[in-house]
Amino acid sequence: MAACRCRSCSEPNAPQATDDALDAYLNFAYRSAKGHRDGFPVSAHLDAASADGDVGVPRALFAHVERAALAAGHRGILHSWGRSGAASA
């Protein structure tokens, strides 16, 4: 995966901004997965919409996000959500 060369990614605070965005995404993906698992389809849908707009998407997308985040050095944020992240909720 090639590193991004856009101006915002080269700013000094880009790593923290990336960690913050990843953490926010994981929060909504995790909450959506938990809502779906626990039988709360409305809250699962709302959290999924906040993450990426579709209840089924967070689960399918998580594996891709996880691989990219790990490759980019964001292991700490992923692991702060638990060993298996949002995929296991």
PDB file of N, CA and C in Angstrom:
ATOM      1  N   MET A   1       0.846  -1.163   0.000  1.00  0.00           N
ATOM      2  CA  MET A   1       0.000   0.000   0.000  1.00  0.00           C
ATOM      3  C   MET A   1       0.897   1.234   0.000  1.00  0.00           C
ATOM      4  N   ALA A   2       0.681   2.116  -0.940  1.00  0.00           N
ATOM      5  CA  ALA A   2       1.482   3.335  -1.037  1.00  0.00           C
ATOM      6  C   ALA A   2       1.040   4.333   0.022  1.00  0.00           C
ATOM      7  N   ALA A   3       2.006   5.063   0.536  1.00  0.00           N
ATOM      8  CA  ALA A   3       1.701   6.095   1.524  1.00  0.00           C
ATOM      9  C   ALA A   3       1.023   7.266   0.824  1.00  0.00           C
ATOM     10  N   CYS A   4       0.084   7.868   1.517  1.00  0.00           N
ATOM     11  CA  CYS A   4      -0.620   9.034   0.989  1.00  0.00           C
ATOM     12  C   CYS A   4       0.325  10.230   1.000  1.00  0.00           C
ATOM     13  N   ARG A   5       0.279  11.018  -0.048  1.00  0.00           N
ATOM     14  CA  ARG A   5       1.150  12.183  -0.136  1.00  0.00           C
ATOM     15  C   ARG A   5       0.356  13.489  -0.122  1.00  0.00           C
ATOM     16  N   CYS A   6      -0.921  13.435   0.224  1.00  0.00           N
ATOM     17  CA  CYS A   6      -1.712  14.659   0.237  1.00  0.00           C
ATOM     18  C   CYS A   6      -1.254  15.568   1.374  1.00  0.00           C
ATOM     19  N   ARG A   7      -1.557  16.846   1.264  1.00  0.00           N
ATOM     20  CA  ARG A   7      -1.088  17.827   2.239  1.00  0.00           C
ATOM     21  C   ARG A   7      -1.564  17.509   3.652  1.00  0.00           C
ATOM     22  N   SER A   8      -2.841  17.137   3.797  1.00  0.00           N
ATOM     23  CA  SER A   8      -3.362  16.895   5.149  1.00  0.00           C
ATOM     24  C   SER A   8      -2.682  15.703   5.819  1.00  0.00           C
ATOM     25  N   CYS A   9      -2.238  14.730   5.047  1.00  0.00           N
ATOM     26  CA  CYS A   9      -1.555  13.569   5.626  1.00  0.00           C
ATOM     27  C   CYS A   9      -0.107  13.876   6.000  1.00  0.00           C
ATOM     28  N   SER A  10       0.445  14.933   5.428  1.00  0.00           N
ATOM     29  CA  SER A  10       1.821  15.271   5.746  1.00  0.00           C
ATOM     30  C   SER A  10       1.916  16.318   6.857  1.00  0.00           C
ATOM     31  N   GLU A  11       0.797  16.790   7.350  1.00  0.00           N
ATOM     32  CA  GLU A  11       0.789  17.746   8.452  1.00  0.00           C
ATOM     33  C   GLU A  11       1.332  17.068   9.706  1.00  0.00           C
ATOM     34  N   PRO A  12       1.945  17.824  10.622  1.00  0.00           N
ATOM     35  CA  PRO A  12       2.517  17.230  11.837  1.00  0.00           C
ATOM     36  C   PRO A  12       1.509  16.478  12.702  1.00  0.00           C
ATOM     37  N   ASN A  13       0.235  16.894  12.704  1.00  0.00           N
ATOM     38  CA  ASN A  13      -0.759  16.238  13.549  1.00  0.00           C
ATOM     39  C   ASN A  13      -1.522  15.138  12.810  1.00  0.00           C
ATOM     40  N   ALA A  14      -1.093  14.780  11.609  1.00  0.00           N
ATOM     41  CA  ALA A  14      -1.802  13.767  10.821  1.00  0.00           C
ATOM     42  C   ALA A  14      -1.900  12.422  11.528  1.00  0.00           C
ATOM     43  N   PRO A  15      -0.828  11.905  12.166  1.00  0.00           N
ATOM     44  CA  PRO A  15      -0.970  10.611  12.844  1.00  0.00           C
ATOM     45  C   PRO A  15      -2.045  10.630  13.930  1.00  0.00           C
ATOM     46  N   GLN A  16      -2.120  11.695  14.720  1.00  0.00           N
ATOM     47  CA  GLN A  16      -3.143  11.781  15.768  1.00  0.00           C
ATOM     48  C   GLN A  16      -4.533  11.911  15.159  1.00  0.00           C
ATOM     49  N   ALA A  17      -4.647  12.704  14.102  1.00  0.00           N
ATOM     50  CA  ALA A  17      -5.941  12.852  13.430  1.00  0.00           C
ATOM     51  C   ALA A  17      -6.400  11.518  12.856  1.00  0.00           C
ATOM     52  N   THR A  18      -5.461  10.751  12.308  1.00  0.00           N
ATOM     53  CA  THR A  18      -5.790   9.433  11.763  1.00  0.00           C
ATOM     54  C   THR A  18      -6.227   8.492  12.884  1.00  0.00           C
ATOM     55  N   ASP A  19      -5.499   8.503  13.996  1.00  0.00           N
ATOM     56  CA  ASP A  19      -5.884   7.676  15.144  1.00  0.00           C
ATOM     57  C   ASP A  19      -7.282   8.056  15.629  1.00  0.00           C
ATOM     58  N   ASP A  20      -7.567   9.349  15.710  1.00  0.00           N
ATOM     59  CA  ASP A  20      -8.881   9.803  16.176  1.00  0.00           C
ATOM     60  C   ASP A  20      -9.995   9.359  15.236  1.00  0.00           C
ATOM     61  N   ALA A  21      -9.768   9.478  13.930  1.00  0.00           N
ATOM     62  CA  ALA A  21     -10.772   9.060  12.956  1.00  0.00           C
ATOM     63  C   ALA A  21     -10.983   7.548  12.999  1.00  0.00           C
ATOM     64  N   LEU A  22      -9.903   6.794  13.120  1.00  0.00           N
ATOM     65  CA  LEU A  22     -10.007   5.340  13.211  1.00  0.00           C
ATOM     66  C   LEU A  22     -10.752   4.935  14.475  1.00  0.00           C
ATOM     67  N   ASP A  23     -10.452   5.589  15.587  1.00  0.00           N
ATOM     68  CA  ASP A  23     -11.131   5.295  16.845  1.00  0.00           C
ATOM     69  C   ASP A  23     -12.626   5.576  16.738  1.00  0.00           C
ATOM     70  N   ALA A  24     -12.995   6.685  16.109  1.00  0.00           N
ATOM     71  CA  ALA A  24     -14.416   7.013  15.931  1.00  0.00           C
ATOM     72  C   ALA A  24     -15.109   5.975  15.054  1.00  0.00           C
ATOM     73  N   TYR A  25     -14.456   5.571  13.959  1.00  0.00           N
ATOM     74  CA  TYR A  25     -15.020   4.545  13.091  1.00  0.00           C
ATOM     75  C   TYR A  25     -15.228   3.238  13.865  1.00  0.00           C
ATOM     76  N   LEU A  26     -14.195   2.821  14.613  1.00  0.00           N
ATOM     77  CA  LEU A  26     -14.292   1.579  15.381  1.00  0.00           C
ATOM     78  C   LEU A  26     -15.414   1.648  16.408  1.00  0.00           C
ATOM     79  N   ASN A  27     -15.613   2.806  17.021  1.00  0.00           N
ATOM     80  CA  ASN A  27     -16.689   2.978  17.986  1.00  0.00           C
ATOM     81  C   ASN A  27     -18.043   2.676  17.350  1.00  0.00           C
ATOM     82  N   PHE A  28     -18.322   3.299  16.217  1.00  0.00           N
ATOM     83  CA  PHE A  28     -19.616   3.077  15.569  1.00  0.00           C
ATOM     84  C   PHE A  28     -19.742   1.664  15.007  1.00  0.00           C
ATOM     85  N   ALA A  29     -18.672   1.132  14.430  1.00  0.00           N
ATOM     86  CA  ALA A  29     -18.721  -0.239  13.898  1.00  0.00           C
ATOM     87  C   ALA A  29     -18.962  -1.244  15.023  1.00  0.00           C
ATOM     88  N   TYR A  30     -18.275  -1.050  16.147  1.00  0.00           N
ATOM     89  CA  TYR A  30     -18.435  -1.942  17.297  1.00  0.00           C
ATOM     90  C   TYR A  30     -19.854  -1.856  17.857  1.00  0.00           C
ATOM     91  N   ARG A  31     -20.346  -0.626  18.031  1.00  0.00           N
ATOM     92  CA  ARG A  31     -21.701  -0.454  18.558  1.00  0.00           C
ATOM     93  C   ARG A  31     -22.744  -1.045  17.623  1.00  0.00           C
ATOM     94  N   SER A  32     -22.541  -0.895  16.323  1.00  0.00           N
ATOM     95  CA  SER A  32     -23.466  -1.471  15.351  1.00  0.00           C
ATOM     96  C   SER A  32     -23.477  -2.991  15.449  1.00  0.00           C
ATOM     97  N   ALA A  33     -22.292  -3.587  15.517  1.00  0.00           N
ATOM     98  CA  ALA A  33     -22.200  -5.043  15.620  1.00  0.00           C
ATOM     99  C   ALA A  33     -22.857  -5.537  16.905  1.00  0.00           C
ATOM    100  N   LYS A  34     -22.625  -4.835  18.021  1.00  0.00           N
ATOM    101  CA  LYS A  34     -23.249  -5.232  19.287  1.00  0.00           C
ATOM    102  C   LYS A  34     -24.768  -5.098  19.220  1.00  0.00           C
ATOM    103  N   GLY A  35     -25.266  -4.002  18.636  1.00  0.00           N
ATOM    104  CA  GLY A  35     -26.711  -3.815  18.508  1.00  0.00           C
ATOM    105  C   GLY A  35     -27.335  -4.911  17.670  1.00  0.00           C
ATOM    106  N   HIS A  36     -26.681  -5.267  16.594  1.00  0.00           N
ATOM    107  CA  HIS A  36     -27.178  -6.347  15.729  1.00  0.00           C
ATOM    108  C   HIS A  36     -27.180  -7.670  16.484  1.00  0.00           C
ATOM    109  N   ARG A  37     -26.082  -7.965  17.171  1.00  0.00           N
ATOM    110  CA  ARG A  37     -25.950  -9.204  17.934  1.00  0.00           C
ATOM    111  C   ARG A  37     -27.005  -9.299  19.035  1.00  0.00           C
ATOM    112  N   ASP A  38     -27.273  -8.170  19.703  1.00  0.00           N
ATOM    113  CA  ASP A  38     -28.164  -8.170  20.861  1.00  0.00           C
ATOM    114  C   ASP A  38     -29.628  -7.950  20.509  1.00  0.00           C
ATOM    115  N   GLY A  39     -29.961  -7.901  19.221  1.00  0.00           N
ATOM    116  CA  GLY A  39     -31.352  -7.798  18.811  1.00  0.00           C
ATOM    117  C   GLY A  39     -31.919  -6.394  18.823  1.00  0.00           C
ATOM    118  N   PHE A  40     -31.090  -5.397  18.600  1.00  0.00           N
ATOM    119  CA  PHE A  40     -31.540  -4.010  18.541  1.00  0.00           C
ATOM    120  C   PHE A  40     -31.282  -3.457  17.141  1.00  0.00           C
ATOM    121  N   PRO A  41     -32.128  -3.852  16.172  1.00  0.00           N
ATOM    122  CA  PRO A  41     -31.848  -3.485  14.785  1.00  0.00           C
ATOM    123  C   PRO A  41     -31.856  -1.985  14.515  1.00  0.00           C
ATOM    124  N   VAL A  42     -32.691  -1.228  15.228  1.00  0.00           N
ATOM    125  CA  VAL A  42     -32.740   0.213  14.980  1.00  0.00           C
ATOM    126  C   VAL A  42     -31.435   0.872  15.420  1.00  0.00           C
ATOM    127  N   SER A  43     -30.982   0.557  16.641  1.00  0.00           N
ATOM    128  CA  SER A  43     -29.724   1.163  17.085  1.00  0.00           C
ATOM    129  C   SER A  43     -28.551   0.650  16.253  1.00  0.00           C
ATOM    130  N   ALA A  44     -28.604  -0.616  15.836  1.00  0.00           N
ATOM    131  CA  ALA A  44     -27.546  -1.157  14.975  1.00  0.00           C
ATOM    132  C   ALA A  44     -27.491  -0.383  13.664  1.00  0.00           C
ATOM    133  N   HIS A  45     -28.667  -0.090  13.109  1.00  0.00           N
ATOM    134  CA  HIS A  45     -28.724   0.652  11.852  1.00  0.00           C
ATOM    135  C   HIS A  45     -28.208   2.083  12.028  1.00  0.00           C
ATOM    136  N   LEU A  46     -28.591   2.740  13.116  1.00  0.00           N
ATOM    137  CA  LEU A  46     -28.138   4.110  13.356  1.00  0.00           C
ATOM    138  C   LEU A  46     -26.621   4.169  13.528  1.00  0.00           C
ATOM    139  N   ASP A  47     -26.074   3.230  14.295  1.00  0.00           N
ATOM    140  CA  ASP A  47     -24.624   3.212  14.471  1.00  0.00           C
ATOM    141  C   ASP A  47     -23.912   2.867  13.170  1.00  0.00           C
ATOM    142  N   ALA A  48     -24.481   1.962  12.400  1.00  0.00           N
ATOM    143  CA  ALA A  48     -23.883   1.615  11.113  1.00  0.00           C
ATOM    144  C   ALA A  48     -23.911   2.812  10.176  1.00  0.00           C
ATOM    145  N   ALA A  49     -25.013   3.555  10.205  1.00  0.00           N
ATOM    146  CA  ALA A  49     -25.107   4.747   9.358  1.00  0.00           C
ATOM    147  C   ALA A  49     -24.039   5.766   9.746  1.00  0.00           C
ATOM    148  N   SER A  50     -23.745   5.850  11.023  1.00  0.00           N
ATOM    149  CA  SER A  50     -22.691   6.765  11.477  1.00  0.00           C
ATOM    150  C   SER A  50     -21.319   6.273  11.046  1.00  0.00           C
ATOM    151  N   ALA A  51     -21.153   4.950  10.955  1.00  0.00           N
ATOM    152  CA  ALA A  51     -19.863   4.383  10.551  1.00  0.00           C
ATOM    153  C   ALA A  51     -19.700   4.451   9.040  1.00  0.00           C
ATOM    154  N   ASP A  52     -20.655   3.895   8.305  1.00  0.00           N
ATOM    155  CA  ASP A  52     -20.544   3.926   6.845  1.00  0.00           C
ATOM    156  C   ASP A  52     -21.838   3.761   6.091  1.00  0.00           C
ATOM    157  N   GLY A  53     -22.966   3.828   6.744  1.00  0.00           N
ATOM    158  CA  GLY A  53     -24.228   3.936   6.033  1.00  0.00           C
ATOM    159  C   GLY A  53     -25.052   2.687   5.828  1.00  0.00           C
ATOM    160  N   ASP A  54     -24.546   1.516   6.139  1.00  0.00           N
ATOM    161  CA  ASP A  54     -25.294   0.291   5.887  1.00  0.00           C
ATOM    162  C   ASP A  54     -24.965  -0.703   6.994  1.00  0.00           C
ATOM    163  N   VAL A  55     -25.991  -1.356   7.514  1.00  0.00           N
ATOM    164  CA  VAL A  55     -25.783  -2.276   8.630  1.00  0.00           C
ATOM    165  C   VAL A  55     -24.793  -3.383   8.291  1.00  0.00           C
ATOM    166  N   GLY A  56     -24.821  -3.917   7.095  1.00  0.00           N
ATOM    167  CA  GLY A  56     -23.923  -5.006   6.733  1.00  0.00           C
ATOM    168  C   GLY A  56     -22.512  -4.554   6.389  1.00  0.00           C
ATOM    169  N   VAL A  57     -22.356  -3.303   6.068  1.00  0.00           N
ATOM    170  CA  VAL A  57     -21.063  -2.817   5.612  1.00  0.00           C
ATOM    171  C   VAL A  57     -19.989  -2.827   6.699  1.00  0.00           C
ATOM    172  N   PRO A  58     -20.268  -2.370   7.945  1.00  0.00           N
ATOM    173  CA  PRO A  58     -19.178  -2.343   8.921  1.00  0.00           C
ATOM    174  C   PRO A  58     -18.465  -3.680   9.087  1.00  0.00           C
ATOM    175  N   ARG A  59     -19.224  -4.753   9.108  1.00  0.00           N
ATOM    176  CA  ARG A  59     -18.609  -6.065   9.276  1.00  0.00           C
ATOM    177  C   ARG A  59     -17.746  -6.441   8.089  1.00  0.00           C
ATOM    178  N   ALA A  60     -18.271  -6.227   6.901  1.00  0.00           N
ATOM    179  CA  ALA A  60     -17.519  -6.567   5.693  1.00  0.00           C
ATOM    180  C   ALA A  60     -16.321  -5.641   5.510  1.00  0.00           C
ATOM    181  N   LEU A  61     -16.481  -4.387   5.842  1.00  0.00           N
ATOM    182  CA  LEU A  61     -15.425  -3.412   5.659  1.00  0.00           C
ATOM    183  C   LEU A  61     -14.348  -3.507   6.728  1.00  0.00           C
ATOM    184  N   PHE A  62     -14.706  -4.004   7.904  1.00  0.00           N
ATOM    185  CA  PHE A  62     -13.765  -4.004   9.016  1.00  0.00           C
ATOM    186  C   PHE A  62     -12.472  -4.738   8.690  1.00  0.00           C
ATOM    187  N   ALA A  63     -12.550  -5.870   8.032  1.00  0.00           N
ATOM    188  CA  ALA A  63     -11.330  -6.631   7.711  1.00  0.00           C
ATOM    189  C   ALA A  63     -10.380  -5.805   6.859  1.00  0.00           C
ATOM    190  N   HIS A  64     -10.925  -5.043   5.923  1.00  0.00           N
ATOM    191  CA  HIS A  64     -10.089  -4.198   5.074  1.00  0.00           C
ATOM    192  C   HIS A  64      -9.493  -3.044   5.875  1.00  0.00           C
ATOM    193  N   VAL A  65     -10.321  -2.421   6.705  1.00  0.00           N
ATOM    194  CA  VAL A  65      -9.840  -1.312   7.534  1.00  0.00           C
ATOM    195  C   VAL A  65      -8.770  -1.812   8.497  1.00  0.00           C
ATOM    196  N   GLU A  66      -9.002  -2.982   9.082  1.00  0.00           N
ATOM    197  CA  GLU A  66      -8.042  -3.542  10.029  1.00  0.00           C
ATOM    198  C   GLU A  66      -6.685  -3.780   9.366  1.00  0.00           C
ATOM    199  N   ARG A  67      -6.680  -4.406   8.195  1.00  0.00           N
ATOM    200  CA  ARG A  67      -5.418  -4.671   7.498  1.00  0.00           C
ATOM    201  C   ARG A  67      -4.680  -3.368   7.178  1.00  0.00           C
ATOM    202  N   ALA A  68      -5.407  -2.390   6.665  1.00  0.00           N
ATOM    203  CA  ALA A  68      -4.780  -1.112   6.304  1.00  0.00           C
ATOM    204  C   ALA A  68      -4.264  -0.381   7.536  1.00  0.00           C
ATOM    205  N   ALA A  69      -5.046  -0.405   8.620  1.00  0.00           N
ATOM    206  CA  ALA A  69      -4.640   0.283   9.849  1.00  0.00           C
ATOM    207  C   ALA A  69      -3.404  -0.378  10.456  1.00  0.00           C
ATOM    208  N   LEU A  70      -3.371  -1.694  10.457  1.00  0.00           N
ATOM    209  CA  LEU A  70      -2.195  -2.389  10.975  1.00  0.00           C
ATOM    210  C   LEU A  70      -0.958  -2.082  10.131  1.00  0.00           C
ATOM    211  N   ALA A  71      -1.122  -2.102   8.831  1.00  0.00           N
ATOM    212  CA  ALA A  71      -0.006  -1.818   7.932  1.00  0.00           C
ATOM    213  C   ALA A  71       0.512  -0.391   8.102  1.00  0.00           C
ATOM    214  N   ALA A  72      -0.386   0.513   8.487  1.00  0.00           N
ATOM    215  CA  ALA A  72      -0.003   1.921   8.658  1.00  0.00           C
ATOM    216  C   ALA A  72       0.464   2.228  10.073  1.00  0.00           C
ATOM    217  N   GLY A  73       0.530   1.211  10.936  1.00  0.00           N
ATOM    218  CA  GLY A  73       1.073   1.416  12.267  1.00  0.00           C
ATOM    219  C   GLY A  73       0.074   1.837  13.332  1.00  0.00           C
ATOM    220  N   HIS A  74      -1.194   1.562  13.135  1.00  0.00           N
ATOM    221  CA  HIS A  74      -2.224   1.960  14.095  1.00  0.00           C
ATOM    222  C   HIS A  74      -2.704   0.792  14.960  1.00  0.00           C
ATOM    223  N   ARG A  75      -1.807  -0.119  15.258  1.00  0.00           N
ATOM    224  CA  ARG A  75      -2.121  -1.307  16.052  1.00  0.00           C
ATOM    225  C   ARG A  75      -2.705  -0.928  17.420  1.00  0.00           C
ATOM    226  N   GLY A  76      -2.171   0.112  18.045  1.00  0.00           N
ATOM    227  CA  GLY A  76      -2.629   0.511  19.376  1.00  0.00           C
ATOM    228  C   GLY A  76      -4.102   0.871  19.407  1.00  0.00           C
ATOM    229  N   ILE A  77      -4.570   1.608  18.413  1.00  0.00           N
ATOM    230  CA  ILE A  77      -5.984   1.986  18.364  1.00  0.00           C
ATOM    231  C   ILE A  77      -6.844   0.747  18.157  1.00  0.00           C
ATOM    232  N   LEU A  78      -6.449  -0.119  17.232  1.00  0.00           N
ATOM    233  CA  LEU A  78      -7.228  -1.337  16.990  1.00  0.00           C
ATOM    234  C   LEU A  78      -7.300  -2.193  18.251  1.00  0.00           C
ATOM    235  N   HIS A  79      -6.171  -2.395  18.891  1.00  0.00           N
ATOM    236  CA  HIS A  79      -6.138  -3.269  20.063  1.00  0.00           C
ATOM    237  C   HIS A  79      -6.777  -2.636  21.289  1.00  0.00           C
ATOM    238  N   SER A  80      -6.930  -1.308  21.294  1.00  0.00           N
ATOM    239  CA  SER A  80      -7.611  -0.688  22.430  1.00  0.00           C
ATOM    240  C   SER A  80      -9.089  -1.058  22.469  1.00  0.00           C
ATOM    241  N   TRP A  81      -9.617  -1.557  21.351  1.00  0.00           N
ATOM    242  CA  TRP A  81     -11.008  -2.004  21.286  1.00  0.00           C
ATOM    243  C   TRP A  81     -11.143  -3.489  21.605  1.00  0.00           C
ATOM    244  N   GLY A  82     -10.064  -4.138  21.932  1.00  0.00           N
ATOM    245  CA  GLY A  82     -10.111  -5.572  22.233  1.00  0.00           C
ATOM    246  C   GLY A  82      -9.355  -6.329  21.174  1.00  0.00           C
ATOM    247  N   ARG A  83      -9.005  -7.528  21.515  1.00  0.00           N
ATOM    248  CA  ARG A  83      -8.166  -8.341  20.633  1.00  0.00           C
ATOM    249  C   ARG A  83      -8.746  -8.508  19.242  1.00  0.00           C
ATOM    250  N   SER A  84     -10.064  -8.729  19.150  1.00  0.00           N
ATOM    251  CA  SER A  84     -10.677  -8.973  17.850  1.00  0.00           C
ATOM    252  C   SER A  84     -11.382  -7.747  17.296  1.00  0.00           C
ATOM    253  N   GLY A  85     -11.287  -6.607  17.976  1.00  0.00           N
ATOM    254  CA  GLY A  85     -11.894  -5.383  17.474  1.00  0.00           C
ATOM    255  C   GLY A  85     -13.386  -5.513  17.285  1.00  0.00           C
ATOM    256  N   ALA A  86     -13.922  -4.746  16.375  1.00  0.00           N
ATOM    257  CA  ALA A  86     -15.368  -4.691  16.149  1.00  0.00           C
ATOM    258  C   ALA A  86     -15.912  -5.948  15.505  1.00  0.00           C
ATOM    259  N   ALA A  87     -15.070  -6.713  14.860  1.00  0.00           N
ATOM    260  CA  ALA A  87     -15.541  -7.900  14.143  1.00  0.00           C
ATOM    261  C   ALA A  87     -16.138  -8.950  15.068  1.00  0.00           C
ATOM    262  N   SER A  88     -15.760  -8.943  16.336  1.00  0.00           N
ATOM    263  CA  SER A  88     -16.234  -9.993  17.240  1.00  0.00           C
ATOM    264  C   SER A  88     -17.460  -9.592  18.043  1.00  0.00           C
ATOM    265  N   ALA A  89     -17.895  -8.362  17.924  1.00  0.00           N
ATOM    266  CA  ALA A  89     -19.013  -7.906  18.759  1.00  0.00           C
ATOM    267  C   ALA A  89     -20.285  -8.626  18.442  1.00  0.00           C
TER     268      ALA A  89
END
